[in-house]
């Protein structure tokens, strides 16, 4: 508390004052005692200088004896900080410094610099631990995503060594190997895209262009996919000019459109709407697929997260597409949300400032 901290400061001042008083008093009486044994009495000025010098010596001795007692707690605290920093440098982020004065002062408006230092170390350790956990999870996910198709390719490649295998089965195995290779290539491309987007050195090249024309072009580019599944594609777009990175926007819309086509059953329907209001544009892409549960909606934009493991695996997904979408939207200071009920399709809504 402030009162207790103030009391300690006052006590310190009183202690130093007493040390000064005791030092000069001791010097005065010591010189008087010495003068009583020798037949010499110095001039008043010289006597004052001798007393002053002797008083400083006594005061220095007092500080030398009292200093370690007063500063011992601070040395102990700094030692704890050094040990904590050494632990962090070794990769052990389970650090939580909690000195008594930090507890006493708490997070005040103007906390003691020591408290700020402790809180900074604790925050740094916590952030590094989160990053390390994410790194370990990322490595685990990548290893799993790469290991699965490699195991499949290796197994079918060994099977193809059988010279007695009929041609139909051989063609089937070769198709599976090709599919797994494509999946690995797509995973590599997505990882590279995420690495580029995460890089602080990535520079956006924003220009002004017609968003409605871009969406029409991309929907038409995907026509072979949705036409092959006899999907009813409904597109309603307002004329909107937006300032954004056109190349990144292409990645964003392609991922969402492909996602909608992927999970829409044959003969289903996809709606694409573009509207603008209050300086923002809103793009809604709705499919008639199996939908997404409430629990999955909370994590659907996380990297490598798959709402339906078997379904996504069968369709060649890696759980990175929506992560890329989310990152691009963030870079344009926008928002993305999903609304879905199981069995009733899903709607992805992207809102972007017209002049981001």
Protein backbone atom coordinates (compact mmCIF):
# COMPACT_ATOMS: atom_id res chain seq x y z
CA UNK A 1 0.00 0.00 0.00
CA UNK A 2 1.05 3.62 -0.51
CA UNK A 3 0.96 4.38 3.25
CA UNK A 4 3.30 1.51 4.02
CA UNK A 5 5.69 2.50 1.21
CA UNK A 6 5.65 6.11 2.48
CA UNK A 7 6.35 4.94 6.02
CA UNK A 8 9.39 2.99 4.82
CA UNK A 9 10.76 6.07 3.06
CA UNK A 10 10.29 8.20 6.20
CA UNK A 11 11.92 5.49 8.32
CA UNK A 12 14.89 5.40 5.94
CA UNK A 13 15.34 9.19 6.14
CA UNK A 14 15.17 9.06 9.96
CA UNK A 15 17.69 6.21 10.07
CA UNK A 16 20.16 8.09 7.86
CA UNK A 17 19.70 11.25 9.93
CA UNK A 18 20.37 9.33 13.14
CA UNK A 19 23.49 7.83 11.57
CA UNK A 20 24.73 11.32 10.67
CA UNK A 21 23.97 12.64 14.15
CA UNK A 22 25.66 9.67 15.83
CA UNK A 23 28.74 9.93 13.56
CA UNK A 24 29.40 13.61 14.24
CA UNK A 25 28.61 13.24 17.95
CA UNK A 26 31.03 10.33 18.23
CA UNK A 27 33.68 12.31 16.33
CA UNK A 28 33.24 15.32 18.66
CA UNK A 29 33.57 13.33 21.88
CA UNK A 30 36.38 11.19 20.53
CA UNK A 31 38.50 14.23 19.64
CA UNK A 32 37.74 15.83 23.03
CA UNK A 33 38.84 12.61 24.69
CA UNK A 34 42.08 12.51 22.68
CA UNK A 35 42.83 16.19 23.37
CA UNK A 36 42.58 15.51 27.12
CA UNK A 37 45.58 13.17 26.89
CA UNK A 38 47.85 15.34 24.77
CA UNK A 39 49.20 18.83 25.58
CA UNK A 40 47.76 20.38 22.43
CA UNK A 41 44.47 22.05 21.54
CA UNK A 42 43.99 22.89 17.83
CA UNK A 43 42.47 26.10 16.50
CA UNK A 44 38.63 26.13 16.29
CA UNK A 45 38.63 25.90 12.47
CA UNK A 46 41.12 23.04 12.47
CA UNK A 47 39.17 21.27 15.21
CA UNK A 48 35.98 21.65 13.16
CA UNK A 49 37.66 20.21 10.05
CA UNK A 50 39.05 17.27 12.05
CA UNK A 51 35.63 16.57 13.56
CA UNK A 52 33.96 16.83 10.12
CA UNK A 53 36.44 14.45 8.48
CA UNK A 54 36.20 11.99 11.35
CA UNK A 55 32.39 12.27 11.22
CA UNK A 56 32.39 11.40 7.51
CA UNK A 57 34.57 8.37 8.24
CA UNK A 58 32.20 7.17 10.97
CA UNK A 59 29.19 7.85 8.73
CA UNK A 60 30.80 5.80 5.95
CA UNK A 61 31.35 2.93 8.37
CA UNK A 62 27.70 3.13 9.45
CA UNK A 63 26.48 3.05 5.85
CA UNK A 64 28.83 0.14 5.12
CA UNK A 65 27.27 -1.84 7.97
CA UNK A 66 23.66 -0.77 7.40
CA UNK A 67 23.73 -0.84 3.58
CA UNK A 68 23.78 -4.64 3.15
CA UNK A 69 20.87 -4.95 5.58
CA UNK A 70 18.80 -2.39 3.65
CA UNK A 71 19.74 -3.55 0.16
CA UNK A 72 19.87 -7.28 0.84
CA UNK A 73 16.26 -7.67 -0.19
CA UNK A 74 16.88 -5.83 -3.46
CA UNK A 75 19.90 -8.01 -4.24
CA UNK A 76 17.80 -11.10 -3.57
CA UNK A 77 15.11 -9.76 -5.89
CA UNK A 78 17.60 -9.03 -8.70
CA UNK A 79 19.03 -12.51 -8.26
CA UNK A 80 15.54 -13.95 -8.77
CA UNK A 81 15.18 -11.90 -11.95
CA UNK A 82 18.54 -13.13 -13.25
CA UNK A 83 17.58 -16.74 -12.56
CA UNK A 84 14.24 -16.18 -14.30
CA UNK A 85 15.93 -14.71 -17.39
CA UNK A 86 18.39 -17.62 -17.47
CA UNK A 87 15.45 -20.04 -17.37
CA UNK A 88 13.80 -18.21 -20.26
CA UNK A 89 17.05 -18.31 -22.27
CA UNK A 90 17.12 -22.11 -21.79
CA UNK A 91 13.59 -22.40 -23.17
CA UNK A 92 11.82 -22.85 -19.82
CA UNK A 93 8.99 -20.32 -19.88
CA UNK A 94 7.32 -21.41 -16.63
CA UNK A 95 8.40 -18.18 -14.95
CA UNK A 96 6.23 -16.20 -12.56
CA UNK A 97 8.07 -13.60 -10.48
CA UNK A 98 6.00 -12.28 -7.58
CA UNK A 99 8.08 -10.11 -5.17
CA UNK A 100 6.40 -8.91 -1.98
CA UNK A 101 6.55 -5.23 -2.91
CA UNK A 102 4.84 -6.03 -6.22
CA UNK A 103 2.00 -7.65 -4.31
CA UNK A 104 1.93 -4.72 -1.92
CA UNK A 105 1.82 -2.02 -4.57
CA UNK A 106 -0.24 -3.94 -7.12
CA UNK A 107 -0.92 -2.42 -10.52
CA UNK A 108 -1.14 1.18 -9.45
CA UNK A 109 -1.37 4.11 -11.80
CA UNK A 110 2.36 4.77 -11.41
CA UNK A 111 3.84 1.50 -10.09
CA UNK A 112 7.43 1.24 -8.90
CA UNK A 113 9.91 0.58 -11.74
CA UNK A 114 10.78 -2.75 -10.09
CA UNK A 115 7.13 -3.77 -10.33
CA UNK A 116 7.03 -2.79 -14.01
CA UNK A 117 10.19 -4.80 -14.62
CA UNK A 118 8.72 -7.88 -12.92
CA UNK A 119 5.47 -7.58 -14.86
CA UNK A 120 7.40 -7.19 -18.13
CA UNK A 121 9.39 -10.37 -17.46
CA UNK A 122 6.23 -12.28 -16.54
CA UNK A 123 4.43 -11.03 -19.66
CA UNK A 124 7.41 -11.90 -21.84
CA UNK A 125 7.58 -15.42 -20.40
CA UNK A 126 3.84 -15.92 -20.88
CA UNK A 127 3.96 -14.70 -24.50
CA UNK A 128 6.97 -16.86 -25.29
CA UNK A 129 5.22 -19.88 -23.78
CA UNK A 130 2.17 -19.26 -25.99
CA UNK A 131 4.43 -18.97 -29.04
CA UNK A 132 6.28 -22.16 -28.10
CA UNK A 133 3.01 -24.05 -27.64
CA UNK A 134 1.81 -22.82 -31.03
CA UNK A 135 5.12 -23.83 -32.59
CA UNK A 136 4.92 -27.32 -31.14
CA UNK A 137 1.31 -27.66 -32.27
CA UNK A 138 2.25 -26.40 -35.73
CA UNK A 139 5.10 -28.92 -36.04
CA UNK A 140 2.81 -31.72 -34.88
CA UNK A 141 0.10 -30.75 -37.38
CA UNK A 142 2.52 -30.39 -40.29
CA UNK A 143 4.15 -33.73 -39.45
CA UNK A 144 0.74 -35.39 -39.41
CA UNK A 145 -0.41 -33.76 -42.66
CA UNK A 146 2.82 -34.70 -44.44
CA UNK A 147 3.22 -38.13 -42.86
CA UNK A 148 -0.23 -39.41 -43.85
CA UNK A 149 0.08 -38.97 -47.64
CA UNK A 150 3.72 -40.10 -47.59
CA UNK A 151 2.69 -43.32 -45.86
CA UNK A 152 -0.05 -43.80 -48.44
CA UNK A 153 2.32 -43.13 -51.36
CA UNK A 154 4.95 -45.47 -49.93
CA UNK A 155 2.43 -48.28 -49.40
CA UNK A 156 0.92 -48.09 -52.87
CA UNK A 157 4.37 -47.74 -54.47
CA UNK A 158 5.43 -51.01 -52.84
CA UNK A 159 2.22 -52.65 -54.02
CA UNK A 160 2.93 -51.53 -57.60
CA UNK A 161 6.13 -53.60 -57.58
CA UNK A 162 3.94 -56.69 -57.83
CA UNK A 163 4.28 -57.71 -61.48
CA UNK A 164 1.18 -59.91 -61.29
CA UNK A 165 -1.14 -56.97 -60.46
CA UNK A 166 -3.90 -56.44 -63.02
CA UNK A 167 -3.99 -53.20 -65.01
CA UNK A 168 -7.22 -51.88 -63.44
CA UNK A 169 -5.84 -52.08 -59.91
CA UNK A 170 -2.53 -50.60 -61.07
CA UNK A 171 -4.35 -47.59 -62.56
CA UNK A 172 -6.32 -47.17 -59.33
CA UNK A 173 -3.16 -47.16 -57.21
CA UNK A 174 -1.44 -44.69 -59.55
CA UNK A 175 -4.46 -42.37 -59.29
CA UNK A 176 -4.28 -42.50 -55.49
CA UNK A 177 -0.56 -41.71 -55.55
CA UNK A 178 -1.19 -38.78 -57.89
CA UNK A 179 -3.98 -37.49 -55.62
CA UNK A 180 -1.74 -37.66 -52.55
CA UNK A 181 1.06 -35.84 -54.41
CA UNK A 182 -1.37 -33.07 -55.36
CA UNK A 183 -2.42 -32.85 -51.73
CA UNK A 184 1.18 -32.50 -50.60
CA UNK A 185 1.77 -29.82 -53.22
CA UNK A 186 -1.33 -27.91 -52.09
CA UNK A 187 -0.22 -28.17 -48.46
CA UNK A 188 3.21 -26.80 -49.39
CA UNK A 189 1.65 -23.90 -51.31
CA UNK A 190 -0.69 -23.02 -48.43
CA UNK A 191 2.14 -23.13 -45.89
CA UNK A 192 4.17 -20.82 -48.11
CA UNK A 193 1.23 -18.41 -48.44
CA UNK A 194 0.75 -18.32 -44.67
CA UNK A 195 4.48 -17.76 -44.12
CA UNK A 196 4.43 -14.82 -46.55
CA UNK A 197 1.28 -13.34 -44.98
CA UNK A 198 2.71 -13.73 -41.46
CA UNK A 199 5.95 -12.03 -42.43
CA UNK A 200 6.21 -8.47 -41.15
CA UNK A 201 8.07 -7.67 -44.37
CA UNK A 202 5.06 -8.56 -46.53
CA UNK A 203 3.95 -5.43 -48.33
CA UNK A 204 0.39 -4.98 -49.55
CA UNK A 205 -0.09 -3.41 -52.96
CA UNK A 206 -3.47 -1.76 -52.63
CA UNK A 207 -5.22 -0.31 -55.63
CA UNK A 208 -8.70 0.90 -56.46
CA UNK A 209 -10.76 -1.55 -58.53
CA UNK A 210 -14.30 -2.84 -59.07
CA UNK A 211 -14.96 -5.63 -56.57
CA UNK A 212 -18.16 -6.76 -58.32
CA UNK A 213 -16.25 -7.36 -61.56
CA UNK A 214 -13.61 -9.34 -59.71
CA UNK A 215 -16.23 -11.59 -58.10
CA UNK A 216 -17.99 -12.19 -61.43
CA UNK A 217 -14.68 -13.14 -63.07
CA UNK A 218 -13.81 -15.60 -60.28
CA UNK A 219 -17.27 -17.20 -60.23
CA UNK A 220 -17.03 -17.73 -64.01
CA UNK A 221 -13.50 -19.13 -63.62
CA UNK A 222 -14.93 -21.77 -61.25
CA UNK A 223 -17.79 -22.63 -63.62
CA UNK A 224 -16.39 -26.05 -64.62
CA UNK A 225 -16.44 -27.15 -60.94
CA UNK A 226 -19.95 -25.96 -60.05
CA UNK A 227 -21.39 -26.86 -63.44
CA UNK A 228 -20.03 -30.40 -63.13
CA UNK A 229 -22.02 -30.81 -59.88
CA UNK A 230 -25.14 -29.21 -61.40
CA UNK A 231 -25.03 -26.46 -58.76
CA UNK A 232 -27.41 -23.53 -59.09
CA UNK A 233 -25.11 -20.48 -58.80
CA UNK A 234 -27.02 -17.32 -57.81
CA UNK A 235 -24.96 -14.10 -57.98
CA UNK A 236 -26.34 -10.68 -56.94
CA UNK A 237 -23.75 -7.90 -56.84
CA UNK A 238 -23.94 -4.16 -56.38
CA UNK A 239 -21.44 -2.00 -58.24
CA UNK A 240 -18.69 -1.40 -55.69
CA UNK A 241 -15.25 0.15 -56.07
CA UNK A 242 -12.84 -0.81 -53.30
CA UNK A 243 -9.24 -0.05 -52.33
CA UNK A 244 -7.47 -3.33 -51.52
CA UNK A 245 -4.70 -5.71 -52.56
CA UNK A 246 -6.27 -7.25 -55.67
CA UNK A 247 -4.07 -10.36 -55.67
CA UNK A 248 -4.80 -11.13 -52.01
CA UNK A 249 -8.50 -10.57 -52.62
CA UNK A 250 -8.39 -13.15 -55.42
CA UNK A 251 -6.96 -15.70 -52.95
CA UNK A 252 -9.65 -14.77 -50.45
CA UNK A 253 -12.64 -15.18 -52.79
CA UNK A 254 -11.24 -18.26 -54.56
CA UNK A 255 -10.82 -20.04 -51.22
CA UNK A 256 -14.36 -19.21 -50.12
CA UNK A 257 -15.94 -20.09 -53.49
CA UNK A 258 -14.02 -23.36 -53.75
CA UNK A 259 -15.00 -24.16 -50.17
CA UNK A 260 -18.67 -23.59 -51.01
CA UNK A 261 -18.47 -25.75 -54.15
CA UNK A 262 -16.59 -28.48 -52.29
CA UNK A 263 -19.24 -28.97 -49.61
CA UNK A 264 -22.35 -28.31 -51.71
CA UNK A 265 -23.94 -31.59 -52.84
CA UNK A 266 -24.80 -32.29 -56.46
CA UNK A 267 -27.83 -30.28 -57.51
CA UNK A 268 -27.40 -27.87 -54.59
CA UNK A 269 -27.31 -24.07 -54.57
CA UNK A 270 -24.74 -21.36 -53.85
CA UNK A 271 -25.58 -17.68 -53.31
CA UNK A 272 -23.05 -14.86 -53.68
CA UNK A 273 -24.19 -11.39 -52.53
CA UNK A 274 -22.30 -8.09 -52.55
CA UNK A 275 -23.69 -4.99 -50.82
CA UNK A 276 -22.29 -1.75 -49.43
CA UNK A 277 -23.33 0.62 -46.64
CA UNK A 278 -21.71 3.06 -44.18
CA UNK A 279 -18.33 2.95 -45.92
CA UNK A 280 -18.12 -0.85 -45.81
CA UNK A 281 -18.71 -3.67 -48.27
CA UNK A 282 -20.28 -6.97 -47.30
CA UNK A 283 -19.80 -10.19 -49.25
CA UNK A 284 -21.95 -13.20 -48.30
CA UNK A 285 -21.31 -16.64 -49.75
CA UNK A 286 -23.93 -19.24 -48.79
CA UNK A 287 -23.83 -22.94 -49.67
CA UNK A 288 -26.38 -25.72 -49.21
CA UNK A 289 -23.94 -28.22 -47.76
CA UNK A 290 -24.06 -30.28 -44.55
CA UNK A 291 -23.49 -27.23 -42.33
CA UNK A 292 -21.14 -26.66 -39.40
CA UNK A 293 -21.78 -27.28 -35.71
CA UNK A 294 -21.66 -24.42 -33.19
CA UNK A 295 -18.58 -25.92 -31.56
CA UNK A 296 -16.72 -26.14 -34.87
CA UNK A 297 -17.66 -22.57 -35.80
CA UNK A 298 -15.63 -21.30 -32.82
CA UNK A 299 -12.41 -22.84 -34.19
CA UNK A 300 -12.99 -23.02 -37.92
CA UNK A 301 -10.44 -20.29 -38.72
CA UNK A 302 -7.65 -21.94 -36.70
CA UNK A 303 -4.78 -23.42 -38.65
CA UNK A 304 -5.11 -27.14 -39.44
CA UNK A 305 -8.51 -27.29 -37.75
CA UNK A 306 -11.01 -29.42 -39.65
CA UNK A 307 -14.68 -29.38 -38.78
CA UNK A 308 -15.10 -32.89 -40.16
CA UNK A 309 -11.87 -34.85 -40.27
CA UNK A 310 -13.05 -37.66 -42.55
CA UNK A 311 -14.98 -35.38 -44.91
CA UNK A 312 -12.13 -32.88 -45.25
CA UNK A 313 -9.57 -35.61 -45.74
CA UNK A 314 -11.64 -37.24 -48.46
CA UNK A 315 -11.92 -33.93 -50.30
CA UNK A 316 -8.21 -33.17 -50.03
CA UNK A 317 -8.35 -30.36 -47.48
CA UNK A 318 -5.55 -29.46 -45.10
CA UNK A 319 -7.34 -27.08 -42.74
CA UNK A 320 -5.34 -24.07 -43.96
CA UNK A 321 -7.67 -22.47 -46.52
CA UNK A 322 -9.87 -20.62 -44.04
CA UNK A 323 -6.80 -19.60 -42.02
CA UNK A 324 -5.45 -17.88 -45.13
CA UNK A 325 -8.83 -16.21 -45.65
CA UNK A 326 -8.90 -14.97 -42.06
CA UNK A 327 -5.36 -13.59 -42.31
CA UNK A 328 -6.10 -11.68 -45.53
CA UNK A 329 -9.26 -10.18 -44.02
CA UNK A 330 -7.28 -9.06 -40.94
CA UNK A 331 -4.65 -7.42 -43.15
CA UNK A 332 -7.42 -5.35 -44.73
CA UNK A 333 -8.85 -4.34 -41.32
CA UNK A 334 -12.03 -6.30 -41.99
CA UNK A 335 -14.00 -9.05 -40.28
CA UNK A 336 -15.18 -12.50 -41.28
CA UNK A 337 -17.90 -14.55 -39.63
CA UNK A 338 -19.72 -17.81 -40.23
CA UNK A 339 -23.33 -18.73 -39.55
CA UNK A 340 -24.52 -22.28 -39.94
CA UNK A 341 -26.91 -24.90 -38.67
CA UNK A 342 -26.14 -28.61 -39.17
CA UNK A 343 -27.87 -29.82 -42.31
CA UNK A 344 -28.77 -26.30 -43.50
CA UNK A 345 -25.58 -25.12 -45.20
CA UNK A 346 -23.20 -22.36 -44.13
CA UNK A 347 -22.90 -18.62 -44.75
CA UNK A 348 -19.54 -16.86 -44.68
CA UNK A 349 -19.77 -13.07 -44.39
CA UNK A 350 -16.78 -10.83 -45.11
CA UNK A 351 -16.96 -7.14 -44.23
CA UNK A 352 -14.26 -4.79 -45.50
CA UNK A 353 -13.78 -1.02 -45.40
CA UNK A 354 -14.14 0.46 -48.88
CA UNK A 355 -10.91 2.42 -48.36
CA UNK A 356 -8.85 0.09 -46.15
